Amino acid sequence: MSPRRNRIKSAADRDQAEPAAPLGGSMRRTENYRGEDWVVQTVAGTAGRHYRCPGCDQEIPPGVGHVVAWPSHGAGVDDRRHWHRACWGARERRASNLLRGRGAPRY
């Protein structure tokens, strides 16, 4: 077996290639949740903010990719919720009550 050859792309090959998505680019889609249509967008998590996931009530630290979802009819900034990807995927299978740690306040 011979070693792999690293080929240098010619200028013509580079021009024909599809342009890559911009840094931090994401795709929006519409999904159904609790009988409503929600706009769902996957983000890279590059912002320097902490968010609280409504699915597991845990923090999403900066730099962690996650999902932002909001009702399609409301589309306001206050309606956006930041979810872990796994929590968004399991949203229909989770119980409605939140499990908190022993030291967490009970509202």
C-alpha atoms as a PDB file:
ATOM      1  CA  MET A   1       0.000   0.000   0.000  1.00  0.00           C
ATOM      2  CA  SER A   2       1.463   3.335  -0.999  1.00  0.00           C
ATOM      3  CA  PRO A   3       1.206   6.471   1.139  1.00  0.00           C
ATOM      4  CA  ARG A   4      -1.557   8.962   0.555  1.00  0.00           C
ATOM      5  CA  ARG A   5      -0.736  11.903  -1.673  1.00  0.00           C
ATOM      6  CA  ASN A   6      -1.749  15.374  -0.655  1.00  0.00           C
ATOM      7  CA  ARG A   7      -2.980  17.087  -3.758  1.00  0.00           C
ATOM      8  CA  ILE A   8      -2.858  20.828  -4.104  1.00  0.00           C
ATOM      9  CA  LYS A   9      -6.057  22.140  -5.630  1.00  0.00           C
ATOM     10  CA  SER A  10      -5.680  24.282  -8.669  1.00  0.00           C
ATOM     11  CA  ALA A  11      -7.352  27.697  -8.865  1.00  0.00           C
ATOM     12  CA  ALA A  12     -10.032  26.247 -11.160  1.00  0.00           C
ATOM     13  CA  ASP A  13     -10.939  23.556  -8.597  1.00  0.00           C
ATOM     14  CA  ARG A  14     -11.228  26.146  -5.810  1.00  0.00           C
ATOM     15  CA  ASP A  15     -13.529  28.372  -7.888  1.00  0.00           C
ATOM     16  CA  GLN A  16     -15.916  25.494  -8.616  1.00  0.00           C
ATOM     17  CA  ALA A  17     -16.232  24.440  -4.995  1.00  0.00           C
ATOM     18  CA  GLU A  18     -19.319  25.596  -3.133  1.00  0.00           C
ATOM     19  CA  PRO A  19     -18.705  28.474  -0.747  1.00  0.00           C
ATOM     20  CA  ALA A  20     -18.582  27.490   2.885  1.00  0.00           C
ATOM     21  CA  ALA A  21     -21.131  28.820   5.350  1.00  0.00           C
ATOM     22  CA  PRO A  22     -19.958  31.972   7.098  1.00  0.00           C
ATOM     23  CA  LEU A  23     -18.358  31.552  10.492  1.00  0.00           C
ATOM     24  CA  GLY A  24     -21.148  31.104  12.995  1.00  0.00           C
ATOM     25  CA  GLY A  25     -23.643  30.464  10.200  1.00  0.00           C
ATOM     26  CA  SER A  26     -26.679  28.434  11.063  1.00  0.00           C
ATOM     27  CA  MET A  27     -29.819  27.048   9.534  1.00  0.00           C
ATOM     28  CA  ARG A  28     -33.371  27.845  10.552  1.00  0.00           C
ATOM     29  CA  ARG A  29     -36.143  25.328  10.414  1.00  0.00           C
ATOM     30  CA  THR A  30     -39.686  25.019  11.728  1.00  0.00           C
ATOM     31  CA  GLU A  31     -40.656  22.243  14.145  1.00  0.00           C
ATOM     32  CA  ASN A  32     -43.829  21.380  16.021  1.00  0.00           C
ATOM     33  CA  TYR A  33     -43.773  21.570  19.842  1.00  0.00           C
ATOM     34  CA  ARG A  34     -46.889  21.402  22.048  1.00  0.00           C
ATOM     35  CA  GLY A  35     -49.164  21.917  19.074  1.00  0.00           C
ATOM     36  CA  GLU A  36     -47.394  25.115  17.921  1.00  0.00           C
ATOM     37  CA  ASP A  37     -44.891  25.809  15.188  1.00  0.00           C
ATOM     38  CA  TRP A  38     -41.502  26.864  16.569  1.00  0.00           C
ATOM     39  CA  VAL A  39     -38.614  28.371  14.654  1.00  0.00           C
ATOM     40  CA  VAL A  40     -35.466  26.440  15.585  1.00  0.00           C
ATOM     41  CA  GLN A  41     -31.943  27.631  14.914  1.00  0.00           C
ATOM     42  CA  THR A  42     -28.705  25.827  15.731  1.00  0.00           C
ATOM     43  CA  VAL A  43     -25.992  28.186  16.989  1.00  0.00           C
ATOM     44  CA  ALA A  44     -22.293  27.695  17.570  1.00  0.00           C
ATOM     45  CA  GLY A  45     -22.386  29.207  21.053  1.00  0.00           C
ATOM     46  CA  THR A  46     -19.588  31.704  20.497  1.00  0.00           C
ATOM     47  CA  ALA A  47     -21.277  34.496  22.489  1.00  0.00           C
ATOM     48  CA  GLY A  48     -19.781  35.164  25.907  1.00  0.00           C
ATOM     49  CA  ARG A  49     -23.047  34.605  27.772  1.00  0.00           C
ATOM     50  CA  HIS A  50     -24.465  31.895  29.969  1.00  0.00           C
ATOM     51  CA  TYR A  51     -27.976  30.655  29.183  1.00  0.00           C
ATOM     52  CA  ARG A  52     -30.326  28.428  31.187  1.00  0.00           C
ATOM     53  CA  CYS A  53     -31.814  25.460  29.324  1.00  0.00           C
ATOM     54  CA  PRO A  54     -35.567  25.120  29.980  1.00  0.00           C
ATOM     55  CA  GLY A  55     -35.374  21.374  29.346  1.00  0.00           C
ATOM     56  CA  CYS A  56     -32.971  20.442  32.138  1.00  0.00           C
ATOM     57  CA  ASP A  57     -32.676  23.738  34.049  1.00  0.00           C
ATOM     58  CA  GLN A  58     -28.867  23.631  33.718  1.00  0.00           C
ATOM     59  CA  GLU A  59     -26.576  26.370  32.420  1.00  0.00           C
ATOM     60  CA  ILE A  60     -25.264  26.422  28.879  1.00  0.00           C
ATOM     61  CA  PRO A  61     -21.766  27.912  29.186  1.00  0.00           C
ATOM     62  CA  PRO A  62     -20.195  30.135  26.512  1.00  0.00           C
ATOM     63  CA  GLY A  63     -18.616  28.231  23.638  1.00  0.00           C
ATOM     64  CA  VAL A  64     -21.065  25.315  23.735  1.00  0.00           C
ATOM     65  CA  GLY A  65     -23.198  24.782  20.645  1.00  0.00           C
ATOM     66  CA  HIS A  66     -26.926  24.705  21.328  1.00  0.00           C
ATOM     67  CA  VAL A  67     -30.378  25.351  19.870  1.00  0.00           C
ATOM     68  CA  VAL A  68     -32.373  28.585  20.025  1.00  0.00           C
ATOM     69  CA  ALA A  69     -36.139  28.139  19.641  1.00  0.00           C
ATOM     70  CA  TRP A  70     -39.064  30.551  19.675  1.00  0.00           C
ATOM     71  CA  PRO A  71     -42.735  30.374  18.688  1.00  0.00           C
ATOM     72  CA  SER A  72     -43.236  31.309  15.054  1.00  0.00           C
ATOM     73  CA  HIS A  73     -46.145  33.585  15.937  1.00  0.00           C
ATOM     74  CA  GLY A  74     -44.271  35.486  18.691  1.00  0.00           C
ATOM     75  CA  ALA A  75     -40.772  35.932  17.212  1.00  0.00           C
ATOM     76  CA  GLY A  76     -39.809  38.514  19.836  1.00  0.00           C
ATOM     77  CA  VAL A  77     -36.466  38.502  21.608  1.00  0.00           C
ATOM     78  CA  ASP A  78     -38.187  37.746  24.928  1.00  0.00           C
ATOM     79  CA  ASP A  79     -39.742  34.584  23.450  1.00  0.00           C
ATOM     80  CA  ARG A  80     -36.400  32.962  22.537  1.00  0.00           C
ATOM     81  CA  ARG A  81     -35.246  29.992  24.583  1.00  0.00           C
ATOM     82  CA  HIS A  82     -31.776  28.457  24.482  1.00  0.00           C
ATOM     83  CA  TRP A  83     -31.804  24.656  24.749  1.00  0.00           C
ATOM     84  CA  HIS A  84     -29.113  21.981  24.816  1.00  0.00           C
ATOM     85  CA  ARG A  85     -29.350  20.027  21.578  1.00  0.00           C
ATOM     86  CA  ALA A  86     -30.154  16.795  23.426  1.00  0.00           C
ATOM     87  CA  CYS A  87     -32.776  18.517  25.594  1.00  0.00           C
ATOM     88  CA  TRP A  88     -34.518  19.940  22.521  1.00  0.00           C
ATOM     89  CA  GLY A  89     -34.511  16.508  20.919  1.00  0.00           C
ATOM     90  CA  ALA A  90     -36.013  14.913  24.067  1.00  0.00           C
ATOM     91  CA  ARG A  91     -38.516  17.693  24.816  1.00  0.00           C
ATOM     92  CA  GLU A  92     -41.581  15.511  24.186  1.00  0.00           C
ATOM     93  CA  ARG A  93     -40.293  12.638  26.338  1.00  0.00           C
ATOM     94  CA  ARG A  94     -39.419  14.711  29.406  1.00  0.00           C
ATOM     95  CA  ALA A  95     -41.665  15.207  32.400  1.00  0.00           C
ATOM     96  CA  SER A  96     -43.109  18.670  32.884  1.00  0.00           C
ATOM     97  CA  ASN A  97     -41.623  19.083  36.370  1.00  0.00           C
ATOM     98  CA  LEU A  98     -38.070  20.326  36.753  1.00  0.00           C
ATOM     99  CA  LEU A  99     -35.609  18.364  38.816  1.00  0.00           C
ATOM    100  CA  ARG A 100     -33.457  20.728  40.820  1.00  0.00           C
ATOM    101  CA  GLY A 101     -30.468  20.171  43.031  1.00  0.00           C
ATOM    102  CA  ARG A 102     -30.797  20.082  46.817  1.00  0.00           C
ATOM    103  CA  GLY A 103     -29.562  23.630  47.275  1.00  0.00           C
ATOM    104  CA  ALA A 104     -31.650  25.157  44.484  1.00  0.00           C
ATOM    105  CA  PRO A 105     -34.546  27.418  45.443  1.00  0.00           C
ATOM    106  CA  ARG A 106     -38.077  26.116  44.920  1.00  0.00           C
ATOM    107  CA  TYR A 107     -40.285  28.702  43.284  1.00  0.00           C
END
